[in-house]
Amino acid sequence: MSNNSKVMIGFLVGAAIGGALGLLLAPDKGSETRRKIVETGSDLGDSIAEFGDTVKDKFSEVVEGVRGSFGKTKNSMS
C-alpha cells in the first residue's frame, strides 16, 4: 500500500471519528442527532466508494502500462 493510500485512509478515518464525536456531543434532540448520523454515514460511504473507484482506476492504468511494456519487450526479443 502506498503512502498516499495510507494518508487518504487515515484522513477518512479521522474525519469519520471527528464527525461522529461532533454529532454526539452537539446539544440537539435525539431525533435530530440520529438524522445527522445517517446523513454523515451516507456521505462517508460515498467518499469511500469514490476512493475505491480511484484506486481501481489507478491499478488498471498500472496493469495496462506493465502489459504494454511486456508486449514491447516480447516483440523486441522475437
C-alpha atoms as a PDB file:
ATOM      1  CA  MET A   1       0.000   0.000   0.000  1.00  0.00           C
ATOM      2  CA  SER A   2       1.488   3.350  -0.968  1.00  0.00           C
ATOM      3  CA  ASN A   3       1.961   6.272   1.377  1.00  0.00           C
ATOM      4  CA  ASN A   4      -0.744   8.253  -0.434  1.00  0.00           C
ATOM      5  CA  SER A   5      -3.260   5.481   0.185  1.00  0.00           C
ATOM      6  CA  LYS A   6      -2.340   5.313   3.854  1.00  0.00           C
ATOM      7  CA  VAL A   7      -2.707   9.066   4.225  1.00  0.00           C
ATOM      8  CA  MET A   8      -6.101   9.035   2.482  1.00  0.00           C
ATOM      9  CA  ILE A   9      -7.371   6.188   4.661  1.00  0.00           C
ATOM     10  CA  GLY A  10      -6.089   7.948   7.778  1.00  0.00           C
ATOM     11  CA  PHE A  11      -7.819  11.141   6.710  1.00  0.00           C
ATOM     12  CA  LEU A  12     -11.132   9.359   6.086  1.00  0.00           C
ATOM     13  CA  VAL A  13     -10.986   7.537   9.431  1.00  0.00           C
ATOM     14  CA  GLY A  14     -10.086  10.750  11.266  1.00  0.00           C
ATOM     15  CA  ALA A  15     -12.888  12.644   9.547  1.00  0.00           C
ATOM     16  CA  ALA A  16     -15.385   9.920  10.433  1.00  0.00           C
ATOM     17  CA  ILE A  17     -14.338   9.849  14.086  1.00  0.00           C
ATOM     18  CA  GLY A  18     -14.310  13.639  14.343  1.00  0.00           C
ATOM     19  CA  GLY A  19     -17.694  13.928  12.682  1.00  0.00           C
ATOM     20  CA  ALA A  20     -19.231  11.268  14.896  1.00  0.00           C
ATOM     21  CA  LEU A  21     -17.887  12.882  18.061  1.00  0.00           C
ATOM     22  CA  GLY A  22     -19.098  16.288  16.934  1.00  0.00           C
ATOM     23  CA  LEU A  23     -22.569  14.944  16.308  1.00  0.00           C
ATOM     24  CA  LEU A  24     -22.755  13.017  19.555  1.00  0.00           C
ATOM     25  CA  LEU A  25     -21.584  15.930  21.673  1.00  0.00           C
ATOM     26  CA  ALA A  26     -23.808  18.534  19.974  1.00  0.00           C
ATOM     27  CA  PRO A  27     -26.770  19.768  22.054  1.00  0.00           C
ATOM     28  CA  ASP A  28     -29.519  18.609  19.662  1.00  0.00           C
ATOM     29  CA  LYS A  29     -32.580  16.470  20.214  1.00  0.00           C
ATOM     30  CA  GLY A  30     -32.043  12.724  19.797  1.00  0.00           C
ATOM     31  CA  SER A  31     -34.070  12.528  16.586  1.00  0.00           C
ATOM     32  CA  GLU A  32     -32.035  15.349  15.042  1.00  0.00           C
ATOM     33  CA  THR A  33     -28.760  13.707  16.085  1.00  0.00           C
ATOM     34  CA  ARG A  34     -29.820  10.361  14.575  1.00  0.00           C
ATOM     35  CA  ARG A  35     -30.762  12.090  11.307  1.00  0.00           C
ATOM     36  CA  LYS A  36     -27.352  13.791  11.169  1.00  0.00           C
ATOM     37  CA  ILE A  37     -25.571  10.493  11.858  1.00  0.00           C
ATOM     38  CA  VAL A  38     -27.418   8.805   8.997  1.00  0.00           C
ATOM     39  CA  GLU A  39     -26.559  11.657   6.620  1.00  0.00           C
ATOM     40  CA  THR A  40     -22.897  11.664   7.672  1.00  0.00           C
ATOM     41  CA  GLY A  41     -22.701   7.883   7.282  1.00  0.00           C
ATOM     42  CA  SER A  42     -24.144   8.151   3.802  1.00  0.00           C
ATOM     43  CA  ASP A  43     -21.646  10.867   2.848  1.00  0.00           C
ATOM     44  CA  LEU A  44     -18.783   8.802   4.240  1.00  0.00           C
ATOM     45  CA  GLY A  45     -19.966   5.764   2.276  1.00  0.00           C
ATOM     46  CA  ASP A  46     -19.983   7.837  -0.902  1.00  0.00           C
ATOM     47  CA  SER A  47     -16.451   9.089  -0.181  1.00  0.00           C
ATOM     48  CA  ILE A  48     -15.194   5.555   0.391  1.00  0.00           C
ATOM     49  CA  ALA A  49     -16.824   4.382  -2.844  1.00  0.00           C
ATOM     50  CA  GLU A  50     -15.163   7.225  -4.770  1.00  0.00           C
ATOM     51  CA  PHE A  51     -11.792   6.374  -3.201  1.00  0.00           C
ATOM     52  CA  GLY A  52     -12.252   2.719  -4.184  1.00  0.00           C
ATOM     53  CA  ASP A  53     -13.055   3.720  -7.763  1.00  0.00           C
ATOM     54  CA  THR A  54      -9.953   5.915  -7.891  1.00  0.00           C
ATOM     55  CA  VAL A  55      -7.754   3.095  -6.596  1.00  0.00           C
ATOM     56  CA  LYS A  56      -9.292   0.679  -9.107  1.00  0.00           C
ATOM     57  CA  ASP A  57      -8.691   3.114 -11.984  1.00  0.00           C
ATOM     58  CA  LYS A  58      -5.059   3.704 -10.961  1.00  0.00           C
ATOM     59  CA  PHE A  59      -4.474  -0.040 -10.635  1.00  0.00           C
ATOM     60  CA  SER A  60      -5.927  -0.613 -14.115  1.00  0.00           C
ATOM     61  CA  GLU A  61      -3.608   2.062 -15.528  1.00  0.00           C
ATOM     62  CA  VAL A  62      -0.590   0.389 -13.923  1.00  0.00           C
ATOM     63  CA  VAL A  63      -1.619  -3.040 -15.222  1.00  0.00           C
ATOM     64  CA  GLU A  64      -2.070  -1.692 -18.753  1.00  0.00           C
ATOM     65  CA  GLY A  65       1.322   0.018 -18.564  1.00  0.00           C
ATOM     66  CA  VAL A  66       3.002  -3.209 -17.477  1.00  0.00           C
ATOM     67  CA  ARG A  67       1.236  -5.160 -20.225  1.00  0.00           C
ATOM     68  CA  GLY A  68       2.355  -2.612 -22.808  1.00  0.00           C
ATOM     69  CA  SER A  69       5.946  -2.735 -21.599  1.00  0.00           C
ATOM     70  CA  PHE A  70       5.892  -6.520 -21.554  1.00  0.00           C
ATOM     71  CA  GLY A  71       4.477  -6.618 -25.076  1.00  0.00           C
ATOM     72  CA  LYS A  72       7.164  -4.254 -26.392  1.00  0.00           C
ATOM     73  CA  THR A  73       9.909  -6.260 -24.711  1.00  0.00           C
ATOM     74  CA  LYS A  74       8.491  -9.529 -26.020  1.00  0.00           C
ATOM     75  CA  ASN A  75       8.285  -8.159 -29.580  1.00  0.00           C
ATOM     76  CA  SER A  76      11.827  -6.788 -29.484  1.00  0.00           C
ATOM     77  CA  MET A  77      13.168 -10.168 -28.368  1.00  0.00           C
ATOM     78  CA  SER A  78      11.404 -12.058 -31.190  1.00  0.00           C
END
